[in-house]
PDB file of all heavy atoms in Angstrom:
ATOM      1  N   GLY A   1      -3.512  -1.775   8.149  1.00  0.00           N
ATOM      2  CA  GLY A   1      -2.396  -0.896   7.855  1.00  0.00           C
ATOM      3  C   GLY A   1      -1.353  -0.980   8.947  1.00  0.00           C
ATOM      4  O   GLY A   1      -1.660  -1.336  10.087  1.00  0.00           O
ATOM      5  N   ALA A   2      -0.124  -0.671   8.598  1.00  0.00           N
ATOM      6  CA  ALA A   2       0.966  -0.664   9.575  1.00  0.00           C
ATOM      7  C   ALA A   2       2.046   0.304   9.119  1.00  0.00           C
ATOM      8  O   ALA A   2       2.197   0.579   7.927  1.00  0.00           O
ATOM      9  CB  ALA A   2       1.561  -2.065   9.738  1.00  0.00           C
ATOM     10  N   THR A   3       2.780   0.805  10.095  1.00  0.00           N
ATOM     11  CA  THR A   3       3.902   1.687   9.817  1.00  0.00           C
ATOM     12  C   THR A   3       4.899   1.591  10.960  1.00  0.00           C
ATOM     13  O   THR A   3       4.573   1.106  12.049  1.00  0.00           O
ATOM     14  CB  THR A   3       3.440   3.149   9.619  1.00  0.00           C
ATOM     15  OG1 THR A   3       4.535   3.920   9.107  1.00  0.00           O
ATOM     16  CG2 THR A   3       2.924   3.773  10.901  1.00  0.00           C
ATOM     17  N   ILE A   4       6.081   2.070  10.715  1.00  0.00           N
ATOM     18  CA  ILE A   4       7.107   2.177  11.750  1.00  0.00           C
ATOM     19  C   ILE A   4       7.114   3.619  12.253  1.00  0.00           C
ATOM     20  O   ILE A   4       7.055   4.559  11.460  1.00  0.00           O
ATOM     21  CB  ILE A   4       8.501   1.804  11.185  1.00  0.00           C
ATOM     22  CG1 ILE A   4       8.518   0.344  10.735  1.00  0.00           C
ATOM     23  CG2 ILE A   4       9.596   2.077  12.209  1.00  0.00           C
ATOM     24  CD1 ILE A   4       8.227  -0.666  11.824  1.00  0.00           C
ATOM     25  N   VAL A   5       7.180   3.772  13.560  1.00  0.00           N
ATOM     26  CA  VAL A   5       7.263   5.095  14.187  1.00  0.00           C
ATOM     27  C   VAL A   5       8.742   5.349  14.482  1.00  0.00           C
ATOM     28  O   VAL A   5       9.423   4.498  15.053  1.00  0.00           O
ATOM     29  CB  VAL A   5       6.418   5.146  15.479  1.00  0.00           C
ATOM     30  CG1 VAL A   5       6.512   6.505  16.133  1.00  0.00           C
ATOM     31  CG2 VAL A   5       4.963   4.781  15.181  1.00  0.00           C
ATOM     32  N   SER A   6       9.226   6.515  14.098  1.00  0.00           N
ATOM     33  CA  SER A   6      10.664   6.786  14.189  1.00  0.00           C
ATOM     34  C   SER A   6      11.174   6.995  15.611  1.00  0.00           C
ATOM     35  O   SER A   6      12.359   6.780  15.868  1.00  0.00           O
ATOM     36  CB  SER A   6      11.027   7.996  13.325  1.00  0.00           C
ATOM     37  OG  SER A   6      10.341   9.139  13.775  1.00  0.00           O
ATOM     38  N   ALA A   7      10.310   7.415  16.534  1.00  0.00           N
ATOM     39  CA  ALA A   7      10.739   7.636  17.916  1.00  0.00           C
ATOM     40  C   ALA A   7       9.534   7.523  18.838  1.00  0.00           C
ATOM     41  O   ALA A   7       8.400   7.811  18.441  1.00  0.00           O
ATOM     42  CB  ALA A   7      11.379   9.011  18.068  1.00  0.00           C
ATOM     43  N   ASN A   8       9.760   7.122  20.053  1.00  0.00           N
ATOM     44  CA  ASN A   8       8.694   6.990  21.048  1.00  0.00           C
ATOM     45  C   ASN A   8       8.397   8.350  21.677  1.00  0.00           C
ATOM     46  O   ASN A   8       8.705   8.594  22.841  1.00  0.00           O
ATOM     47  CB  ASN A   8       9.078   5.961  22.108  1.00  0.00           C
ATOM     48  CG  ASN A   8       7.946   5.737  23.101  1.00  0.00           C
ATOM     49  OD1 ASN A   8       6.778   5.852  22.759  1.00  0.00           O
ATOM     50  ND2 ASN A   8       8.302   5.416  24.326  1.00  0.00           N
ATOM     51  N   THR A   9       7.813   9.234  20.871  1.00  0.00           N
ATOM     52  CA  THR A   9       7.394  10.543  21.367  1.00  0.00           C
ATOM     53  C   THR A   9       5.943  10.764  20.959  1.00  0.00           C
ATOM     54  O   THR A   9       5.450  10.152  19.998  1.00  0.00           O
ATOM     55  CB  THR A   9       8.243  11.686  20.774  1.00  0.00           C
ATOM     56  OG1 THR A   9       8.011  11.761  19.357  1.00  0.00           O
ATOM     57  CG2 THR A   9       9.731  11.487  21.057  1.00  0.00           C
ATOM     58  N   LYS A  10       5.268  11.649  21.678  1.00  0.00           N
ATOM     59  CA  LYS A  10       3.879  11.966  21.342  1.00  0.00           C
ATOM     60  C   LYS A  10       3.765  12.421  19.896  1.00  0.00           C
ATOM     61  O   LYS A  10       2.892  11.958  19.153  1.00  0.00           O
ATOM     62  CB  LYS A  10       3.348  13.058  22.273  1.00  0.00           C
ATOM     63  CG  LYS A  10       3.158  12.606  23.689  1.00  0.00           C
ATOM     64  CD  LYS A  10       2.620  13.736  24.559  1.00  0.00           C
ATOM     65  CE  LYS A  10       2.456  13.241  25.982  1.00  0.00           C
ATOM     66  NZ  LYS A  10       1.769  14.218  26.831  1.00  0.00           N
ATOM     67  N   GLU A  11       4.635  13.326  19.505  1.00  0.00           N
ATOM     68  CA  GLU A  11       4.586  13.896  18.167  1.00  0.00           C
ATOM     69  C   GLU A  11       4.762  12.840  17.079  1.00  0.00           C
ATOM     70  O   GLU A  11       4.039  12.840  16.075  1.00  0.00           O
ATOM     71  CB  GLU A  11       5.643  14.994  18.000  1.00  0.00           C
ATOM     72  CG  GLU A  11       5.479  16.186  18.926  1.00  0.00           C
ATOM     73  CD  GLU A  11       5.970  15.939  20.362  1.00  0.00           C
ATOM     74  OE1 GLU A  11       6.728  14.979  20.595  1.00  0.00           O
ATOM     75  OE2 GLU A  11       5.552  16.712  21.250  1.00  0.00           O
ATOM     76  N   GLU A  12       5.728  11.957  17.256  1.00  0.00           N
ATOM     77  CA  GLU A  12       6.006  10.943  16.230  1.00  0.00           C
ATOM     78  C   GLU A  12       4.897   9.899  16.153  1.00  0.00           C
ATOM     79  O   GLU A  12       4.545   9.446  15.053  1.00  0.00           O
ATOM     80  CB  GLU A  12       7.362  10.272  16.477  1.00  0.00           C
ATOM     81  CG  GLU A  12       8.537  11.189  16.222  1.00  0.00           C
ATOM     82  CD  GLU A  12       8.611  11.685  14.784  1.00  0.00           C
ATOM     83  OE1 GLU A  12       8.301  10.916  13.846  1.00  0.00           O
ATOM     84  OE2 GLU A  12       8.973  12.865  14.585  1.00  0.00           O
ATOM     85  N   ILE A  13       4.333   9.506  17.275  1.00  0.00           N
ATOM     86  CA  ILE A  13       3.241   8.527  17.268  1.00  0.00           C
ATOM     87  C   ILE A  13       2.014   9.112  16.580  1.00  0.00           C
ATOM     88  O   ILE A  13       1.406   8.471  15.721  1.00  0.00           O
ATOM     89  CB  ILE A  13       2.922   8.052  18.700  1.00  0.00           C
ATOM     90  CG1 ILE A  13       4.092   7.208  19.240  1.00  0.00           C
ATOM     91  CG2 ILE A  13       1.615   7.269  18.744  1.00  0.00           C
ATOM     92  CD1 ILE A  13       4.023   6.886  20.712  1.00  0.00           C
ATOM     93  N   VAL A  14       1.654  10.343  16.925  1.00  0.00           N
ATOM     94  CA  VAL A  14       0.492  10.983  16.301  1.00  0.00           C
ATOM     95  C   VAL A  14       0.747  11.226  14.815  1.00  0.00           C
ATOM     96  O   VAL A  14      -0.120  10.960  13.972  1.00  0.00           O
ATOM     97  CB  VAL A  14       0.120  12.285  17.035  1.00  0.00           C
ATOM     98  CG1 VAL A  14      -0.948  13.057  16.279  1.00  0.00           C
ATOM     99  CG2 VAL A  14      -0.352  11.975  18.450  1.00  0.00           C
ATOM    100  N   SER A  15       1.927  11.700  14.471  1.00  0.00           N
ATOM    101  CA  SER A  15       2.261  11.959  13.067  1.00  0.00           C
ATOM    102  C   SER A  15       2.193  10.674  12.240  1.00  0.00           C
ATOM    103  O   SER A  15       1.610  10.654  11.150  1.00  0.00           O
ATOM    104  CB  SER A  15       3.648  12.582  12.974  1.00  0.00           C
ATOM    105  OG  SER A  15       4.032  12.748  11.637  1.00  0.00           O
ATOM    106  N   ALA A  16       2.780   9.604  12.741  1.00  0.00           N
ATOM    107  CA  ALA A  16       2.762   8.325  12.023  1.00  0.00           C
ATOM    108  C   ALA A  16       1.341   7.789  11.903  1.00  0.00           C
ATOM    109  O   ALA A  16       0.954   7.268  10.854  1.00  0.00           O
ATOM    110  CB  ALA A  16       3.653   7.312  12.734  1.00  0.00           C
ATOM    111  N   GLY A  17       0.556   7.946  12.961  1.00  0.00           N
ATOM    112  CA  GLY A  17      -0.832   7.494  12.926  1.00  0.00           C
ATOM    113  C   GLY A  17      -1.658   8.257  11.911  1.00  0.00           C
ATOM    114  O   GLY A  17      -2.451   7.672  11.164  1.00  0.00           O
ATOM    115  N   MET A  18      -1.468   9.567  11.855  1.00  0.00           N
ATOM    116  CA  MET A  18      -2.196  10.385  10.885  1.00  0.00           C
ATOM    117  C   MET A  18      -1.800  10.027   9.455  1.00  0.00           C
ATOM    118  O   MET A  18      -2.661   9.893   8.577  1.00  0.00           O
ATOM    119  CB  MET A  18      -1.957  11.871  11.144  1.00  0.00           C
ATOM    120  CG  MET A  18      -2.668  12.386  12.371  1.00  0.00           C
ATOM    121  SD  MET A  18      -2.363  14.131  12.658  1.00  0.00           S
ATOM    122  CE  MET A  18      -3.669  14.833  11.667  1.00  0.00           C
ATOM    123  N   GLU A  19      -0.505   9.882   9.223  1.00  0.00           N
ATOM    124  CA  GLU A  19      -0.034   9.534   7.884  1.00  0.00           C
ATOM    125  C   GLU A  19      -0.629   8.203   7.431  1.00  0.00           C
ATOM    126  O   GLU A  19      -1.159   8.087   6.313  1.00  0.00           O
ATOM    127  CB  GLU A  19       1.490   9.461   7.855  1.00  0.00           C
ATOM    128  CG  GLU A  19       2.043   9.021   6.517  1.00  0.00           C
ATOM    129  CD  GLU A  19       3.544   8.778   6.519  1.00  0.00           C
ATOM    130  OE1 GLU A  19       4.121   8.449   7.575  1.00  0.00           O
ATOM    131  OE2 GLU A  19       4.133   8.914   5.435  1.00  0.00           O
ATOM    132  N   LEU A  20      -0.577   7.201   8.291  1.00  0.00           N
ATOM    133  CA  LEU A  20      -1.083   5.880   7.932  1.00  0.00           C
ATOM    134  C   LEU A  20      -2.592   5.921   7.718  1.00  0.00           C
ATOM    135  O   LEU A  20      -3.100   5.397   6.713  1.00  0.00           O
ATOM    136  CB  LEU A  20      -0.715   4.859   9.014  1.00  0.00           C
ATOM    137  CG  LEU A  20      -1.226   3.443   8.789  1.00  0.00           C
ATOM    138  CD1 LEU A  20      -0.752   2.876   7.461  1.00  0.00           C
ATOM    139  CD2 LEU A  20      -0.805   2.550   9.959  1.00  0.00           C
ATOM    140  N   LEU A  21      -3.309   6.527   8.630  1.00  0.00           N
ATOM    141  CA  LEU A  21      -4.762   6.587   8.509  1.00  0.00           C
ATOM    142  C   LEU A  21      -5.190   7.321   7.243  1.00  0.00           C
ATOM    143  O   LEU A  21      -6.078   6.868   6.510  1.00  0.00           O
ATOM    144  CB  LEU A  21      -5.341   7.250   9.752  1.00  0.00           C
ATOM    145  CG  LEU A  21      -6.804   7.010  10.078  1.00  0.00           C
ATOM    146  CD1 LEU A  21      -7.161   5.536  10.049  1.00  0.00           C
ATOM    147  CD2 LEU A  21      -7.132   7.610  11.432  1.00  0.00           C
ATOM    148  N   GLN A  22      -4.531   8.420   6.938  1.00  0.00           N
ATOM    149  CA  GLN A  22      -4.854   9.168   5.714  1.00  0.00           C
ATOM    150  C   GLN A  22      -4.573   8.337   4.466  1.00  0.00           C
ATOM    151  O   GLN A  22      -5.357   8.352   3.511  1.00  0.00           O
ATOM    152  CB  GLN A  22      -4.100  10.491   5.684  1.00  0.00           C
ATOM    153  CG  GLN A  22      -4.640  11.483   6.688  1.00  0.00           C
ATOM    154  CD  GLN A  22      -3.766  12.716   6.865  1.00  0.00           C
ATOM    155  OE1 GLN A  22      -2.598  12.733   6.494  1.00  0.00           O
ATOM    156  NE2 GLN A  22      -4.342  13.751   7.448  1.00  0.00           N
ATOM    157  N   GLU A  23      -3.469   7.607   4.459  1.00  0.00           N
ATOM    158  CA  GLU A  23      -3.140   6.747   3.309  1.00  0.00           C
ATOM    159  C   GLU A  23      -4.200   5.658   3.134  1.00  0.00           C
ATOM    160  O   GLU A  23      -4.600   5.348   2.004  1.00  0.00           O
ATOM    161  CB  GLU A  23      -1.765   6.108   3.489  1.00  0.00           C
ATOM    162  CG  GLU A  23      -0.610   7.071   3.383  1.00  0.00           C
ATOM    163  CD  GLU A  23      -0.259   7.425   1.947  1.00  0.00           C
ATOM    164  OE1 GLU A  23      -0.554   6.634   1.026  1.00  0.00           O
ATOM    165  OE2 GLU A  23       0.324   8.503   1.741  1.00  0.00           O
ATOM    166  N   MET A  24      -4.671   5.100   4.242  1.00  0.00           N
ATOM    167  CA  MET A  24      -5.690   4.054   4.192  1.00  0.00           C
ATOM    168  C   MET A  24      -7.007   4.599   3.650  1.00  0.00           C
ATOM    169  O   MET A  24      -7.674   3.954   2.837  1.00  0.00           O
ATOM    170  CB  MET A  24      -5.882   3.447   5.587  1.00  0.00           C
ATOM    171  CG  MET A  24      -4.658   2.705   6.091  1.00  0.00           C
ATOM    172  SD  MET A  24      -4.762   2.292   7.851  1.00  0.00           S
ATOM    173  CE  MET A  24      -5.972   0.963   7.814  1.00  0.00           C
ATOM    174  N   VAL A  25      -7.374   5.788   4.083  1.00  0.00           N
ATOM    175  CA  VAL A  25      -8.607   6.437   3.649  1.00  0.00           C
ATOM    176  C   VAL A  25      -8.549   6.756   2.158  1.00  0.00           C
ATOM    177  O   VAL A  25      -9.481   6.442   1.405  1.00  0.00           O
ATOM    178  CB  VAL A  25      -8.858   7.713   4.491  1.00  0.00           C
ATOM    179  CG1 VAL A  25      -9.886   8.611   3.856  1.00  0.00           C
ATOM    180  CG2 VAL A  25      -9.269   7.337   5.908  1.00  0.00           C
ATOM    181  N   VAL A  26      -7.461   7.338   1.710  1.00  0.00           N
ATOM    182  CA  VAL A  26      -7.312   7.698   0.301  1.00  0.00           C
ATOM    183  C   VAL A  26      -7.292   6.445  -0.579  1.00  0.00           C
ATOM    184  O   VAL A  26      -7.977   6.383  -1.608  1.00  0.00           O
ATOM    185  CB  VAL A  26      -6.037   8.548   0.079  1.00  0.00           C
ATOM    186  CG1 VAL A  26      -5.725   8.703  -1.400  1.00  0.00           C
ATOM    187  CG2 VAL A  26      -6.191   9.911   0.741  1.00  0.00           C
ATOM    188  N   ALA A  27      -6.532   5.438  -0.184  1.00  0.00           N
ATOM    189  CA  ALA A  27      -6.401   4.222  -0.993  1.00  0.00           C
ATOM    190  C   ALA A  27      -7.728   3.497  -1.187  1.00  0.00           C
ATOM    191  O   ALA A  27      -7.902   2.771  -2.167  1.00  0.00           O
ATOM    192  CB  ALA A  27      -5.377   3.281  -0.359  1.00  0.00           C
ATOM    193  N   ASN A  28      -8.652   3.696  -0.236  1.00  0.00           N
ATOM    194  CA  ASN A  28      -9.923   2.986  -0.298  1.00  0.00           C
ATOM    195  C   ASN A  28     -11.131   3.885  -0.538  1.00  0.00           C
ATOM    196  O   ASN A  28     -12.268   3.422  -0.496  1.00  0.00           O
ATOM    197  CB  ASN A  28     -10.105   2.171   0.987  1.00  0.00           C
ATOM    198  CG  ASN A  28      -9.159   1.004   1.027  1.00  0.00           C
ATOM    199  OD1 ASN A  28      -9.371   0.005   0.366  1.00  0.00           O
ATOM    200  ND2 ASN A  28      -8.074   1.155   1.772  1.00  0.00           N
ATOM    201  N   GLY A  29     -10.889   5.177  -0.766  1.00  0.00           N
ATOM    202  CA  GLY A  29     -11.988   6.103  -1.031  1.00  0.00           C
ATOM    203  C   GLY A  29     -12.984   6.186   0.115  1.00  0.00           C
ATOM    204  O   GLY A  29     -14.185   6.250  -0.117  1.00  0.00           O
ATOM    205  N   VAL A  30     -12.491   6.197   1.332  1.00  0.00           N
ATOM    206  CA  VAL A  30     -13.346   6.171   2.527  1.00  0.00           C
ATOM    207  C   VAL A  30     -13.806   7.580   2.893  1.00  0.00           C
ATOM    208  O   VAL A  30     -13.007   8.511   2.942  1.00  0.00           O
ATOM    209  CB  VAL A  30     -12.580   5.546   3.716  1.00  0.00           C
ATOM    210  CG1 VAL A  30     -13.401   5.626   4.996  1.00  0.00           C
ATOM    211  CG2 VAL A  30     -12.188   4.114   3.401  1.00  0.00           C
ATOM    212  N   GLU A  31     -15.088   7.720   3.155  1.00  0.00           N
ATOM    213  CA  GLU A  31     -15.656   8.944   3.711  1.00  0.00           C
ATOM    214  C   GLU A  31     -15.813   8.737   5.212  1.00  0.00           C
ATOM    215  O   GLU A  31     -16.042   7.605   5.658  1.00  0.00           O
ATOM    216  CB  GLU A  31     -17.027   9.230   3.089  1.00  0.00           C
ATOM    217  CG  GLU A  31     -16.997   9.435   1.585  1.00  0.00           C
ATOM    218  CD  GLU A  31     -16.292  10.705   1.170  1.00  0.00           C
ATOM    219  OE1 GLU A  31     -16.336  11.691   1.935  1.00  0.00           O
ATOM    220  OE2 GLU A  31     -15.676  10.715   0.090  1.00  0.00           O
TER     221      GLU A  31
END
């Protein structure tokens, strides 16, 4: 998985990481 982070801040990096990871989990039915 990959995504673009909108700004080099703690909040944006964590937010982008959570969004991407959640999308990966849902798309693949991962527990």
